[in-house]
Amino acid sequence: MPKKSPANNPVQVSESPFATTESANRILPPQNFTTAGAAVNYRDSWRIFRIISEFIDGYQFLSKFKKEVTILGSARLPQNSKYYQIAEELGRLLGKNGFTTITGGGPGIMEAANRGAYEVGGRTVGINIQLPFEQRINPYVKDSTGFYYFFTRKVMLTSPANAFVFFPGGFGTLDEFFEVVDYMELGHMQKVPVVLVGKEFWSPILKFLRANSGDIAHSVSEDFINAWFVTDNAQEAFDFIKDAPDFQNVVEESDMSGIHCQAGPDWRVFRIMAELVEGFEFLTKMQNDVTLFGTKSILPGSSYYDAAYQVGRSLAMAGFTTITGGGPGIMEAVNKGAFEAGGESVGINMRTEHGERLNNYLTKSAGFFFPFVRKLIITSPSQAFVFFPGGFGTLHQLFELLTLQETKKMPPTPTILYGSDFWHPMIEYFKLLYRDFKTISMLDQNLVHVVDTPADVLKYLP
């Protein structure tokens, strides 16, 4: 049986709501987590108001901009990096041609893009995150705002863009990239031009998506990947995005999940609040949870489906509550294993106008219209995270959790990758990020564990 943490011993850690109550109750060395605020407990309902206030402030801030291009990349790349110079030149081209250059507002690639636009009189914007360590606003930002929560900041950072340009970066950049392409593929945000600067950086990712997420997991489309533009040249990047339409700052009321837009604080804010209240209330009933991710495209009879079934069964027999997205494929396999072993089997899924898609092996479920609320709820209660093969959505979840752990917004939580044949190229890519690009630290490489048997999963659980 899993060990339970003391009920009233919260570590003083600055975390996002993605951190769990059980994780927050774990005793951790305080020197590892310099606080930027109080510890977050999803049972503290008043925090909903802080989250909502960030949405309102963010929408008001973004409503005044037009012709926005969002540029994302590492804060660690120095001025003598060729990518810093490309970003600066791209910012200059955007500024000269009347575009608003939006970045995360920090150093590195963000500074370079803002600098190029600033020096030619262009409009420059920084959307910053408050981190336990200092995250300064670069001096080339004319308009800026800051956020405490990663997920509200990311909604705002991706909302207004008429195009996205991704430079080399670390876990945070990959999180932002996979969130954007995941939401575009699912129809949660408009399809706009996506540029990837740095062939040597992005080629391994594209190869992984085609060979692993495509050929093994059957969860990504070759045509979707081919729509992205890969280059090492600022002028080519600008030429690809210069004719992108400037979308109006409105969202149709019928679009329940249309959070990726610039319209001001209106009816959607109250729907967000309602979903947060319902989601937090749902979470108060959870304990000893493990959340599992993986593609809906892996069918019964495959080796990964069978493995997911065995993992779900093993978790239930060990006394854990099993949480998935509640759908088919890997999710169904895990829920089925837990259900048939008599365990608690939970689905946290997306609602659409056409209803909810749930598998038949759930003991309870909750559905959400807003994808970022659903993402918040599906990860909040967990003692550990297990990732089976998947596509954009699975990778989006993985890199967000790695980013939160890397930046000390949540405490270290077992993050387990199932299937070395699928995940090995990604582990090698992590080494490349550390060795060649210096965009993650040596310790960041060790945030994940790769396993090949259900028994190995249980070894890493608290």
Protein backbone atom coordinates (compact mmCIF):
# COMPACT_ATOMS: atom_id res chain seq x y z
CA MET A 1 0.00 0.00 0.00
CA PRO A 2 1.25 3.53 -0.69
CA LYS A 3 2.42 5.57 2.24
CA LYS A 4 0.29 8.56 3.19
CA SER A 5 1.89 11.88 3.98
CA PRO A 6 1.05 13.72 7.21
CA ALA A 7 -2.19 15.64 6.79
CA ASN A 8 -0.98 18.99 8.10
CA ASN A 9 2.65 19.40 7.22
CA PRO A 10 2.79 21.54 4.06
CA VAL A 11 6.24 22.37 2.77
CA GLN A 12 6.68 26.06 2.11
CA VAL A 13 7.17 25.94 -1.60
CA SER A 14 6.19 28.29 -4.38
CA GLU A 15 4.19 26.09 -6.69
CA SER A 16 1.56 26.26 -9.38
CA PRO A 17 -1.81 24.61 -8.80
CA PHE A 18 -0.35 21.65 -10.69
CA ALA A 19 1.40 20.65 -7.47
CA THR A 20 -0.51 18.11 -5.44
CA THR A 21 -1.65 18.22 -1.86
CA GLU A 22 0.15 14.99 -1.11
CA SER A 23 3.29 16.28 -2.83
CA ALA A 24 3.08 19.58 -1.00
CA ASN A 25 2.77 17.69 2.28
CA ARG A 26 5.99 15.81 1.62
CA ILE A 27 8.92 17.01 3.73
CA LEU A 28 11.55 18.44 1.39
CA PRO A 29 14.87 20.20 1.96
CA PRO A 30 13.89 23.87 2.20
CA GLN A 31 17.09 25.08 0.58
CA ASN A 32 16.01 23.51 -2.70
CA PHE A 33 12.87 25.65 -2.97
CA THR A 34 13.31 29.37 -2.52
CA THR A 35 9.79 30.72 -2.24
CA ALA A 36 8.20 33.44 -4.32
CA GLY A 37 4.87 33.07 -2.53
CA ALA A 38 2.82 30.75 -0.39
CA ALA A 39 2.50 27.05 -1.08
CA VAL A 40 -0.47 26.20 -3.29
CA ASN A 41 -3.07 23.77 -2.05
CA TYR A 42 -5.93 23.05 -4.44
CA ARG A 43 -8.20 22.66 -1.42
CA ASP A 44 -7.72 26.38 -0.68
CA SER A 45 -10.69 27.66 -2.69
CA TRP A 46 -9.70 31.32 -2.33
CA ARG A 47 -6.87 30.70 -4.78
CA ILE A 48 -9.46 30.49 -7.52
CA PHE A 49 -9.89 34.24 -7.20
CA ARG A 50 -6.20 34.82 -7.71
CA ILE A 51 -6.29 32.66 -10.82
CA ILE A 52 -9.33 34.51 -12.18
CA SER A 53 -7.73 37.88 -11.44
CA GLU A 54 -4.77 36.85 -13.59
CA PHE A 55 -7.12 36.04 -16.47
CA ILE A 56 -8.89 39.37 -16.18
CA ASP A 57 -5.65 41.35 -15.96
CA GLY A 58 -4.16 39.36 -18.82
CA TYR A 59 -7.10 39.85 -21.15
CA GLN A 60 -7.16 43.57 -20.45
CA PHE A 61 -3.43 43.82 -21.11
CA LEU A 62 -3.57 41.95 -24.43
CA SER A 63 -6.64 43.69 -25.83
CA LYS A 64 -4.64 46.73 -27.01
CA PHE A 65 -2.22 44.95 -29.36
CA LYS A 66 -2.43 44.12 -33.07
CA LYS A 67 -0.40 42.14 -35.62
CA GLU A 68 1.24 40.05 -32.92
CA VAL A 69 4.01 37.54 -33.48
CA THR A 70 5.13 35.49 -30.49
CA ILE A 71 8.79 34.47 -30.33
CA LEU A 72 9.82 31.76 -27.88
CA GLY A 73 13.21 30.33 -27.00
CA SER A 74 15.82 29.81 -24.31
CA ALA A 75 16.68 32.42 -21.71
CA ARG A 76 20.15 30.85 -21.49
CA LEU A 77 21.49 31.59 -24.98
CA PRO A 78 24.10 34.38 -24.84
CA GLN A 79 24.54 37.37 -27.14
CA ASN A 80 27.30 35.67 -29.10
CA SER A 81 24.99 32.78 -30.02
CA LYS A 82 24.01 32.65 -33.67
CA TYR A 83 20.41 32.15 -32.55
CA TYR A 84 20.49 35.36 -30.50
CA GLN A 85 21.59 37.18 -33.64
CA ILE A 86 18.89 35.57 -35.79
CA ALA A 87 16.23 36.46 -33.20
CA GLU A 88 17.47 40.04 -33.07
CA GLU A 89 17.33 40.35 -36.84
CA LEU A 90 13.83 38.84 -36.94
CA GLY A 91 12.69 41.30 -34.29
CA ARG A 92 14.10 44.11 -36.39
CA LEU A 93 12.17 42.93 -39.44
CA LEU A 94 8.95 42.64 -37.44
CA GLY A 95 9.41 46.10 -35.92
CA LYS A 96 10.07 47.76 -39.26
CA ASN A 97 6.92 46.26 -40.72
CA GLY A 98 4.46 47.20 -38.01
CA PHE A 99 4.24 43.92 -36.10
CA THR A 100 4.03 43.61 -32.31
CA THR A 101 6.84 41.38 -31.03
CA ILE A 102 5.74 39.32 -28.02
CA THR A 103 8.15 37.26 -25.91
CA GLY A 104 8.35 35.93 -22.38
CA GLY A 105 10.15 39.16 -21.52
CA GLY A 106 13.31 37.59 -20.14
CA PRO A 107 16.93 37.29 -21.32
CA GLY A 108 18.41 35.20 -24.13
CA ILE A 109 16.24 34.74 -27.21
CA MET A 110 13.48 36.82 -25.65
CA GLU A 111 15.82 39.76 -25.14
CA ALA A 112 17.20 39.41 -28.66
CA ALA A 113 13.79 39.55 -30.34
CA ASN A 114 12.59 42.45 -28.19
CA ARG A 115 15.88 44.27 -28.77
CA GLY A 116 15.69 44.04 -32.55
CA ALA A 117 12.13 45.38 -32.59
CA TYR A 118 12.85 48.07 -29.97
CA GLU A 119 15.83 49.51 -31.81
CA VAL A 120 13.78 50.19 -34.94
CA GLY A 121 10.86 51.70 -33.03
CA GLY A 122 8.64 48.61 -33.07
CA ARG A 123 6.21 47.60 -30.34
CA THR A 124 7.69 45.10 -27.91
CA VAL A 125 5.82 43.12 -25.27
CA GLY A 126 6.97 40.87 -22.43
CA ILE A 127 4.70 38.33 -20.71
CA ASN A 128 6.73 37.24 -17.72
CA ILE A 129 6.55 34.49 -15.11
CA GLN A 130 7.38 34.95 -11.43
CA LEU A 131 9.91 32.28 -10.54
CA PRO A 132 11.52 31.29 -7.22
CA PHE A 133 14.75 32.60 -8.71
CA GLU A 134 14.92 35.99 -10.40
CA GLN A 135 13.36 36.32 -13.85
CA ARG A 136 14.14 39.86 -14.93
CA ILE A 137 12.37 41.84 -17.63
CA ASN A 138 14.83 42.70 -20.38
CA PRO A 139 15.39 46.42 -21.06
CA TYR A 140 13.88 46.27 -24.56
CA VAL A 141 10.31 45.58 -23.45
CA LYS A 142 7.95 48.56 -23.77
CA ASP A 143 4.83 46.87 -22.38
CA SER A 144 4.94 44.05 -19.86
CA THR A 145 2.88 42.07 -17.38
CA GLY A 146 3.75 39.21 -15.03
CA PHE A 147 1.98 36.07 -13.85
CA TYR A 148 2.35 33.79 -10.85
CA TYR A 149 0.80 30.72 -12.47
CA PHE A 150 2.41 29.04 -15.44
CA PHE A 151 -0.86 28.03 -17.04
CA THR A 152 -2.39 31.54 -17.00
CA ARG A 153 0.82 32.98 -18.35
CA LYS A 154 0.89 30.42 -21.16
CA VAL A 155 -2.71 31.14 -22.13
CA MET A 156 -1.80 34.82 -22.48
CA LEU A 157 1.52 34.13 -24.20
CA THR A 158 -0.18 32.06 -26.90
CA SER A 159 -3.55 33.83 -27.09
CA PRO A 160 -2.85 36.83 -29.29
CA ALA A 161 -0.38 35.46 -31.78
CA ASN A 162 -0.96 35.57 -35.52
CA ALA A 163 2.21 33.50 -35.90
CA PHE A 164 4.67 31.66 -33.67
CA VAL A 165 8.43 31.44 -34.02
CA PHE A 166 10.24 28.87 -31.86
CA PHE A 167 13.98 29.09 -31.33
CA PRO A 168 16.18 26.53 -29.54
CA GLY A 169 15.31 26.22 -25.87
CA GLY A 170 14.86 23.88 -22.95
CA PHE A 171 11.88 22.17 -21.38
CA GLY A 172 9.91 25.43 -21.22
CA THR A 173 10.25 26.13 -24.94
CA LEU A 174 9.30 22.54 -25.79
CA ASP A 175 6.31 22.80 -23.46
CA GLU A 176 5.14 25.96 -25.24
CA PHE A 177 5.75 24.43 -28.65
CA PHE A 178 3.79 21.25 -27.96
CA GLU A 179 0.97 23.17 -26.31
CA VAL A 180 0.58 25.38 -29.37
CA VAL A 181 0.63 22.57 -31.94
CA ASP A 182 -1.53 20.32 -29.73
CA TYR A 183 -4.23 22.97 -29.38
CA MET A 184 -4.06 23.80 -33.08
CA GLU A 185 -4.50 20.14 -34.00
CA LEU A 186 -7.44 19.77 -31.60
CA GLY A 187 -9.08 22.98 -32.81
CA HIS A 188 -8.76 24.78 -29.47
CA MET A 189 -6.92 27.63 -31.17
CA GLN A 190 -6.62 28.98 -34.68
CA LYS A 191 -4.12 27.45 -37.07
CA VAL A 192 -1.46 30.08 -37.73
CA PRO A 193 2.06 29.91 -39.22
CA VAL A 194 4.59 28.03 -37.09
CA VAL A 195 8.30 28.65 -37.71
CA LEU A 196 11.09 26.56 -36.17
CA VAL A 197 14.45 28.34 -36.19
CA GLY A 198 17.47 26.05 -35.86
CA LYS A 199 17.59 22.97 -38.04
CA GLU A 200 20.11 21.19 -35.81
CA PHE A 201 17.88 21.75 -32.78
CA TRP A 202 14.50 20.86 -34.29
CA SER A 203 15.50 18.01 -36.63
CA PRO A 204 15.66 15.40 -33.82
CA ILE A 205 12.21 16.46 -32.61
CA LEU A 206 10.74 16.18 -36.10
CA LYS A 207 12.37 12.78 -36.54
CA PHE A 208 10.94 11.63 -33.20
CA LEU A 209 7.46 12.82 -34.11
CA ARG A 210 7.50 11.08 -37.49
CA ALA A 211 9.16 7.81 -36.46
CA ASN A 212 7.85 7.39 -32.92
CA SER A 213 4.68 9.42 -32.40
CA GLY A 214 3.71 8.67 -36.01
CA ASP A 215 4.90 5.16 -36.85
CA ILE A 216 4.77 3.62 -33.35
CA ALA A 217 1.97 5.51 -31.60
CA HIS A 218 -0.02 6.38 -34.76
CA SER A 219 -0.96 9.68 -33.15
CA VAL A 220 0.39 12.47 -35.37
CA SER A 221 -0.19 13.47 -38.96
CA GLU A 222 2.68 13.85 -41.42
CA ASP A 223 0.76 16.61 -43.20
CA PHE A 224 0.41 18.58 -39.97
CA ILE A 225 4.17 18.40 -39.33
CA ASN A 226 4.94 19.36 -42.92
CA ALA A 227 3.03 22.62 -42.47
CA TRP A 228 5.74 23.96 -40.15
CA PHE A 229 8.60 25.96 -41.65
CA VAL A 230 12.14 25.12 -40.52
CA THR A 231 14.91 27.63 -41.21
CA ASP A 232 18.17 29.18 -40.00
CA ASN A 233 17.49 32.55 -41.58
CA ALA A 234 15.61 35.55 -40.17
CA GLN A 235 14.50 36.85 -43.56
CA GLU A 236 13.07 33.44 -44.51
CA ALA A 237 11.21 33.27 -41.19
CA PHE A 238 9.76 36.73 -41.74
CA ASP A 239 8.74 35.97 -45.31
CA PHE A 240 6.83 32.91 -44.09
CA ILE A 241 4.76 34.85 -41.55
CA LYS A 242 4.51 38.37 -43.00
CA ASP A 243 1.17 37.78 -44.73
CA ALA A 244 -0.51 36.05 -41.77
CA PRO A 245 -3.94 37.62 -41.17
CA ASP A 246 -4.47 39.77 -38.10
CA PHE A 247 -7.32 37.99 -36.32
CA GLN A 248 -9.98 40.12 -34.69
CA ASN A 249 -10.12 40.20 -30.91
CA VAL A 250 -13.36 38.27 -30.61
CA VAL A 251 -14.56 34.79 -29.81
CA GLU A 252 -17.94 33.35 -30.67
CA GLU A 253 -20.04 32.56 -27.59
CA SER A 254 -20.77 29.15 -29.05
CA ASP A 255 -17.07 28.33 -28.84
CA MET A 256 -16.96 27.04 -25.27
CA SER A 257 -13.22 26.31 -25.32
CA GLY A 258 -12.22 29.45 -27.21
CA ILE A 259 -9.82 30.71 -24.60
CA HIS A 260 -7.04 31.42 -27.09
CA CYS A 261 -8.12 34.88 -28.18
CA GLN A 262 -7.79 38.50 -27.14
CA ALA A 263 -11.33 39.43 -26.17
CA GLY A 264 -11.57 41.15 -22.81
CA PRO A 265 -12.81 39.71 -19.51
CA ASP A 266 -16.34 38.64 -20.38
CA TRP A 267 -18.65 35.65 -20.03
CA ARG A 268 -15.78 33.19 -20.44
CA VAL A 269 -14.14 34.29 -17.19
CA PHE A 270 -17.19 33.16 -15.23
CA ARG A 271 -17.23 29.83 -17.05
CA ILE A 272 -13.56 29.40 -16.22
CA MET A 273 -14.31 30.12 -12.57
CA ALA A 274 -17.17 27.62 -12.54
CA GLU A 275 -14.97 24.90 -14.02
CA LEU A 276 -12.19 25.62 -11.52
CA VAL A 277 -14.64 25.41 -8.61
CA GLU A 278 -16.09 22.13 -9.89
CA GLY A 279 -12.64 20.73 -10.63
CA PHE A 280 -11.17 21.64 -7.25
CA GLU A 281 -14.18 20.15 -5.52
CA PHE A 282 -13.74 16.96 -7.55
CA LEU A 283 -10.11 16.77 -6.47
CA THR A 284 -10.91 16.90 -2.78
CA LYS A 285 -12.26 13.37 -3.12
CA MET A 286 -9.00 12.05 -4.59
CA GLN A 287 -6.11 10.51 -2.67
CA ASN A 288 -3.08 8.34 -3.44
CA ASP A 289 -3.43 9.15 -7.14
CA VAL A 290 -1.25 8.28 -10.09
CA THR A 291 -1.96 9.96 -13.44
CA LEU A 292 -1.19 8.16 -16.69
CA PHE A 293 -0.96 9.63 -20.19
CA GLY A 294 -0.80 8.11 -23.65
CA THR A 295 -2.37 8.15 -27.07
CA LYS A 296 -5.95 7.21 -27.86
CA SER A 297 -4.66 5.59 -31.07
CA ILE A 298 -3.12 2.43 -29.54
CA LEU A 299 -5.75 -0.31 -29.84
CA PRO A 300 -6.53 -3.50 -27.87
CA GLY A 301 -4.20 -6.33 -28.75
CA SER A 302 -1.08 -4.18 -29.05
CA SER A 303 1.82 -4.69 -26.65
CA TYR A 304 1.47 -1.17 -25.23
CA TYR A 305 -2.27 -1.61 -24.63
CA ASP A 306 -1.56 -4.84 -22.76
CA ALA A 307 1.21 -3.17 -20.75
CA ALA A 308 -1.04 -0.24 -19.84
CA TYR A 309 -3.71 -2.69 -18.68
CA GLN A 310 -1.19 -4.43 -16.43
CA VAL A 311 0.04 -1.12 -15.01
CA GLY A 312 -3.53 -0.07 -14.18
CA ARG A 313 -4.16 -3.42 -12.53
CA SER A 314 -0.92 -3.23 -10.53
CA LEU A 315 -1.71 0.28 -9.32
CA ALA A 316 -5.16 -0.74 -8.14
CA MET A 317 -3.80 -3.76 -6.32
CA ALA A 318 -1.24 -1.51 -4.62
CA GLY A 319 -4.00 0.81 -3.38
CA PHE A 320 -3.55 3.72 -5.78
CA THR A 321 -6.31 5.65 -7.52
CA THR A 322 -5.73 5.58 -11.27
CA ILE A 323 -6.40 8.76 -13.26
CA THR A 324 -6.44 9.11 -17.06
CA GLY A 325 -8.06 11.34 -19.64
CA GLY A 326 -10.95 8.88 -19.65
CA GLY A 327 -10.89 8.14 -23.37
CA PRO A 328 -9.93 5.19 -25.59
CA GLY A 329 -6.51 3.68 -26.32
CA ILE A 330 -3.94 3.79 -23.53
CA MET A 331 -6.44 5.55 -21.26
CA GLU A 332 -8.99 2.78 -21.68
CA ALA A 333 -6.37 0.09 -21.08
CA VAL A 334 -5.21 1.65 -17.81
CA ASN A 335 -8.75 2.25 -16.56
CA LYS A 336 -9.77 -1.26 -17.53
CA GLY A 337 -6.90 -2.80 -15.58
CA ALA A 338 -7.70 -0.73 -12.49
CA PHE A 339 -11.46 -1.32 -12.77
CA GLU A 340 -11.20 -5.07 -13.15
CA ALA A 341 -8.85 -5.23 -10.17
CA GLY A 342 -11.47 -3.45 -8.05
CA GLY A 343 -9.60 -0.17 -7.83
CA GLU A 344 -10.67 3.45 -8.14
CA SER A 345 -10.59 4.30 -11.86
CA VAL A 346 -11.02 7.99 -12.74
CA GLY A 347 -11.41 9.81 -16.05
CA ILE A 348 -10.85 13.56 -16.47
CA ASN A 349 -11.86 14.38 -20.00
CA MET A 350 -12.77 17.14 -22.44
CA ARG A 351 -16.38 18.10 -23.13
CA THR A 352 -17.49 19.29 -26.53
CA GLU A 353 -20.77 20.44 -27.99
CA HIS A 354 -21.26 16.83 -29.06
CA GLY A 355 -20.82 15.41 -25.55
CA GLU A 356 -18.06 13.50 -23.77
CA ARG A 357 -16.11 10.50 -24.97
CA LEU A 358 -15.60 8.13 -22.03
CA ASN A 359 -14.45 4.54 -21.86
CA ASN A 360 -16.52 1.94 -20.00
CA TYR A 361 -14.12 1.34 -17.10
CA LEU A 362 -14.52 4.44 -14.94
CA THR A 363 -15.76 4.55 -11.38
CA LYS A 364 -16.04 8.33 -11.56
CA SER A 365 -15.35 11.11 -14.06
CA ALA A 366 -15.32 14.85 -14.60
CA GLY A 367 -15.45 16.80 -17.86
CA PHE A 368 -14.27 20.27 -18.83
CA PHE A 369 -14.79 22.63 -21.77
CA PHE A 370 -11.57 24.57 -21.28
CA PRO A 371 -8.48 22.51 -22.11
CA PHE A 372 -6.17 24.31 -19.69
CA VAL A 373 -8.59 23.75 -16.78
CA ARG A 374 -8.83 20.07 -17.64
CA LYS A 375 -5.02 19.90 -17.83
CA LEU A 376 -4.75 21.56 -14.42
CA ILE A 377 -7.17 19.13 -12.82
CA ILE A 378 -5.78 15.97 -14.40
CA THR A 379 -2.31 16.62 -12.99
CA SER A 380 -3.07 18.33 -9.68
CA PRO A 381 -3.66 15.39 -7.35
CA SER A 382 -0.98 13.01 -8.49
CA GLN A 383 1.70 11.20 -6.54
CA ALA A 384 3.41 10.27 -9.83
CA PHE A 385 3.02 10.57 -13.59
CA VAL A 386 3.39 7.72 -16.08
CA PHE A 387 3.75 8.43 -19.79
CA PHE A 388 3.05 5.81 -22.43
CA PRO A 389 3.68 6.50 -26.15
CA GLY A 390 1.74 9.41 -27.55
CA GLY A 391 1.71 12.48 -29.74
CA PHE A 392 1.41 16.22 -29.26
CA GLY A 393 -0.88 16.00 -26.23
CA THR A 394 1.25 13.47 -24.37
CA LEU A 395 4.43 15.45 -25.09
CA HIS A 396 2.71 18.69 -24.13
CA GLN A 397 1.80 17.23 -20.72
CA LEU A 398 5.29 15.78 -20.26
CA PHE A 399 7.20 18.97 -20.94
CA GLU A 400 4.86 21.08 -18.86
CA LEU A 401 5.43 18.87 -15.84
CA LEU A 402 9.18 18.85 -16.44
CA THR A 403 9.16 22.64 -16.69
CA LEU A 404 7.25 23.00 -13.43
CA GLN A 405 9.72 20.73 -11.67
CA GLU A 406 12.78 22.33 -13.26
CA THR A 407 11.66 25.83 -12.22
CA LYS A 408 10.70 24.74 -8.69
CA LYS A 409 7.04 25.58 -9.26
CA MET A 410 6.25 22.07 -8.03
CA PRO A 411 8.33 19.63 -5.98
CA PRO A 412 10.09 16.71 -7.65
CA THR A 413 7.47 14.10 -8.53
CA PRO A 414 8.21 10.67 -10.04
CA THR A 415 7.88 11.08 -13.81
CA ILE A 416 8.02 7.71 -15.53
CA LEU A 417 8.32 7.02 -19.26
CA TYR A 418 7.04 3.57 -20.23
CA GLY A 419 8.72 1.87 -23.20
CA SER A 420 12.41 2.38 -23.91
CA ASP A 421 11.93 1.62 -27.61
CA PHE A 422 9.65 4.65 -27.85
CA TRP A 423 11.33 7.05 -25.39
CA HIS A 424 15.04 6.32 -25.96
CA PRO A 425 15.47 8.94 -28.72
CA MET A 426 13.94 11.57 -26.42
CA ILE A 427 16.39 10.69 -23.63
CA GLU A 428 19.23 11.10 -26.11
CA TYR A 429 17.75 14.46 -27.09
CA PHE A 430 17.85 15.57 -23.45
CA LYS A 431 21.58 14.86 -23.48
CA LEU A 432 21.89 17.02 -26.60
CA LEU A 433 20.07 19.89 -24.90
CA TYR A 434 22.53 19.77 -22.01
CA ARG A 435 25.74 19.00 -23.89
CA ASP A 436 25.42 21.04 -27.08
CA PHE A 437 22.81 23.74 -26.51
CA LYS A 438 23.22 24.30 -22.73
CA THR A 439 19.46 24.92 -22.43
CA ILE A 440 18.94 22.47 -19.55
CA SER A 441 21.17 21.54 -16.65
CA MET A 442 22.83 18.22 -15.97
CA LEU A 443 20.33 17.55 -13.16
CA ASP A 444 17.37 18.26 -15.45
CA GLN A 445 18.26 15.16 -17.46
CA ASN A 446 17.47 13.05 -14.39
CA LEU A 447 13.87 14.22 -13.91
CA VAL A 448 12.52 11.17 -15.78
CA HIS A 449 12.82 7.41 -15.38
CA VAL A 450 12.43 4.98 -18.29
CA VAL A 451 10.88 1.58 -17.54
CA ASP A 452 9.76 -1.46 -19.51
CA THR A 453 7.65 -3.48 -17.05
CA PRO A 454 4.68 -2.74 -14.75
CA ALA A 455 6.79 -3.85 -11.78
CA ASP A 456 9.35 -1.18 -12.63
CA VAL A 457 6.64 1.49 -12.47
CA LEU A 458 5.82 0.58 -8.87
CA LYS A 459 9.48 0.89 -7.84
CA TYR A 460 9.36 4.67 -8.38
CA LEU A 461 6.08 5.35 -6.57
CA PRO A 462 6.02 6.97 -3.12
